[in-house]
C-alpha atoms as a PDB file:
ATOM      1  CA  MET A   1      -0.025   0.085  -0.076  1.00  0.00           C
ATOM      2  CA  THR A   2       0.845   3.475  -0.524  1.00  0.00           C
ATOM      3  CA  HIS A   3       0.504   6.774   1.847  1.00  0.00           C
ATOM      4  CA  ILE A   4      -1.717   9.670   0.752  1.00  0.00           C
ATOM      5  CA  ILE A   5      -1.402  13.529   1.594  1.00  0.00           C
ATOM      6  CA  MET A   6      -4.758  14.691   2.100  1.00  0.00           C
ATOM      7  CA  GLU A   7      -6.208  18.305   2.165  1.00  0.00           C
ATOM      8  CA  PRO A   8      -4.029  19.561   5.218  1.00  0.00           C
ATOM      9  CA  CYS A   9      -1.300  20.100   3.157  1.00  0.00           C
ATOM     10  CA  ILE A  10      -2.488  22.220   0.672  1.00  0.00           C
ATOM     11  CA  GLY A  11      -0.465  25.532   0.878  1.00  0.00           C
ATOM     12  CA  VAL A  12       1.808  24.077   3.344  1.00  0.00           C
ATOM     13  CA  LYS A  13       5.133  25.470   2.669  1.00  0.00           C
ATOM     14  CA  ASP A  14       7.098  22.498   4.718  1.00  0.00           C
ATOM     15  CA  THR A  15       8.692  20.099   3.071  1.00  0.00           C
ATOM     16  CA  ALA A  16       9.972  18.004   5.505  1.00  0.00           C
ATOM     17  CA  CYS A  17       8.108  14.784   4.310  1.00  0.00           C
ATOM     18  CA  VAL A  18      10.104  14.980   1.151  1.00  0.00           C
ATOM     19  CA  ASP A  19      13.507  15.205   3.042  1.00  0.00           C
ATOM     20  CA  VAL A  20      12.950  11.975   5.177  1.00  0.00           C
ATOM     21  CA  CYS A  21      11.608  10.056   2.165  1.00  0.00           C
ATOM     22  CA  PRO A  22      14.791   7.321   1.377  1.00  0.00           C
ATOM     23  CA  VAL A  23      12.783   6.774  -2.355  1.00  0.00           C
ATOM     24  CA  ASP A  24      12.170  10.231  -3.481  1.00  0.00           C
ATOM     25  CA  CYS A  25       8.395   9.758  -4.285  1.00  0.00           C
ATOM     26  CA  ILE A  26       6.988  12.888  -2.787  1.00  0.00           C
ATOM     27  CA  TYR A  27       6.344  15.178  -5.447  1.00  0.00           C
ATOM     28  CA  GLY A  28       5.025  18.913  -5.733  1.00  0.00           C
ATOM     29  CA  ALA A  29       7.223  21.125  -4.090  1.00  0.00           C
ATOM     30  CA  ASP A  30       6.667  23.813  -6.668  1.00  0.00           C
ATOM     31  CA  GLU A  31       3.558  25.197  -5.526  1.00  0.00           C
ATOM     32  CA  ASP A  32       2.970  27.153  -9.030  1.00  0.00           C
ATOM     33  CA  GLU A  33       2.711  23.690 -10.554  1.00  0.00           C
ATOM     34  CA  TRP A  34       0.742  21.769  -7.727  1.00  0.00           C
ATOM     35  CA  PRO A  35      -1.153  23.317  -4.573  1.00  0.00           C
ATOM     36  CA  MET A  36       0.120  20.674  -2.471  1.00  0.00           C
ATOM     37  CA  LEU A  37       2.593  17.815  -2.444  1.00  0.00           C
ATOM     38  CA  TYR A  38       1.333  14.254  -3.657  1.00  0.00           C
ATOM     39  CA  ILE A  39       2.821  10.719  -3.261  1.00  0.00           C
ATOM     40  CA  GLN A  40       3.461   8.566  -6.151  1.00  0.00           C
ATOM     41  CA  PRO A  41       1.639   5.306  -5.505  1.00  0.00           C
ATOM     42  CA  GLU A  42       3.965   3.009  -7.488  1.00  0.00           C
ATOM     43  CA  GLU A  43       7.072   4.282  -6.205  1.00  0.00           C
ATOM     44  CA  CYS A  44       6.028   4.540  -2.374  1.00  0.00           C
ATOM     45  CA  ILE A  45       7.782   1.983  -0.409  1.00  0.00           C
ATOM     46  CA  ASP A  46       5.329   2.279   2.606  1.00  0.00           C
ATOM     47  CA  CYS A  47       7.853   3.273   4.740  1.00  0.00           C
ATOM     48  CA  GLY A  48       5.963   5.551   6.936  1.00  0.00           C
ATOM     49  CA  LEU A  49       8.719   8.106   7.300  1.00  0.00           C
ATOM     50  CA  CYS A  50       6.942  10.847   6.022  1.00  0.00           C
ATOM     51  CA  VAL A  51       4.144  10.342   8.471  1.00  0.00           C
ATOM     52  CA  ASP A  52       5.919  11.221  11.392  1.00  0.00           C
ATOM     53  CA  ALA A  53       7.759  14.277   9.248  1.00  0.00           C
ATOM     54  CA  CYS A  54       4.714  15.921   8.199  1.00  0.00           C
ATOM     55  CA  PRO A  55       3.817  18.935  10.885  1.00  0.00           C
ATOM     56  CA  VAL A  56       0.423  19.032   9.790  1.00  0.00           C
ATOM     57  CA  GLU A  57      -0.594  15.388   9.982  1.00  0.00           C
ATOM     58  CA  ALA A  58      -1.765  15.264   6.193  1.00  0.00           C
ATOM     59  CA  ILE A  59      -0.074  11.807   5.553  1.00  0.00           C
ATOM     60  CA  VAL A  60      -1.464   8.653   6.288  1.00  0.00           C
ATOM     61  CA  PRO A  61      -1.562   5.034   4.952  1.00  0.00           C
ATOM     62  CA  GLU A  62      -4.250   4.711   2.312  1.00  0.00           C
ATOM     63  CA  GLU A  63      -6.463   2.485   4.038  1.00  0.00           C
ATOM     64  CA  GLU A  64      -6.477   4.983   6.818  1.00  0.00           C
ATOM     65  CA  VAL A  65      -7.500   8.360   5.006  1.00  0.00           C
ATOM     66  CA  PRO A  66     -10.785   9.472   6.894  1.00  0.00           C
ATOM     67  CA  GLU A  67     -13.875   9.337   4.884  1.00  0.00           C
ATOM     68  CA  LYS A  68     -14.294  12.776   4.405  1.00  0.00           C
ATOM     69  CA  TRP A  69     -10.952  12.954   2.403  1.00  0.00           C
ATOM     70  CA  GLU A  70     -11.405   9.870   0.481  1.00  0.00           C
ATOM     71  CA  SER A  71     -11.258  11.857  -2.555  1.00  0.00           C
ATOM     72  CA  PHE A  72      -7.431  12.473  -2.236  1.00  0.00           C
ATOM     73  CA  ILE A  73      -6.964   8.914  -2.865  1.00  0.00           C
ATOM     74  CA  ALA A  74      -8.372   9.608  -6.170  1.00  0.00           C
ATOM     75  CA  LYS A  75      -6.328  12.729  -6.457  1.00  0.00           C
ATOM     76  CA  ASN A  76      -2.968  11.045  -5.599  1.00  0.00           C
ATOM     77  CA  TYR A  77      -3.050   8.591  -8.169  1.00  0.00           C
ATOM     78  CA  THR A  78      -4.685  10.687 -11.073  1.00  0.00           C
ATOM     79  CA  GLN A  79      -1.811  13.394 -10.345  1.00  0.00           C
ATOM     80  CA  PHE A  80       0.393  10.556 -11.900  1.00  0.00           C
ATOM     81  CA  ASP A  81      -1.956   9.444 -14.456  1.00  0.00           C
ATOM     82  CA  LEU A  82      -2.717   6.130 -12.585  1.00  0.00           C
ATOM     83  CA  GLU A  83      -6.128   4.663 -11.998  1.00  0.00           C
ATOM     84  CA  PRO A  84      -7.084   5.130  -8.441  1.00  0.00           C
ATOM     85  CA  PRO A  85      -8.060   2.050  -6.810  1.00  0.00           C
ATOM     86  CA  GLY A  86     -11.529   0.971  -6.354  1.00  0.00           C
END
């Protein structure tokens, strides 16, 4: 499984999660192109280091995404032209 970045990340300037990712699978630090960061689902190794590094608690394992933010699962996949699960 991958991790998903959710709404609390929108507009956040802190990219600590990018710095700790051992496989560099978090993209979007250029806010002019993307309003938030995204995890490339096929590159994520599910290590969870980004979860602890996120200052706004916007990253969770895909299976733990709260119902109110389930749309962010599809957003993370489609950002990389991938078919969302389900």
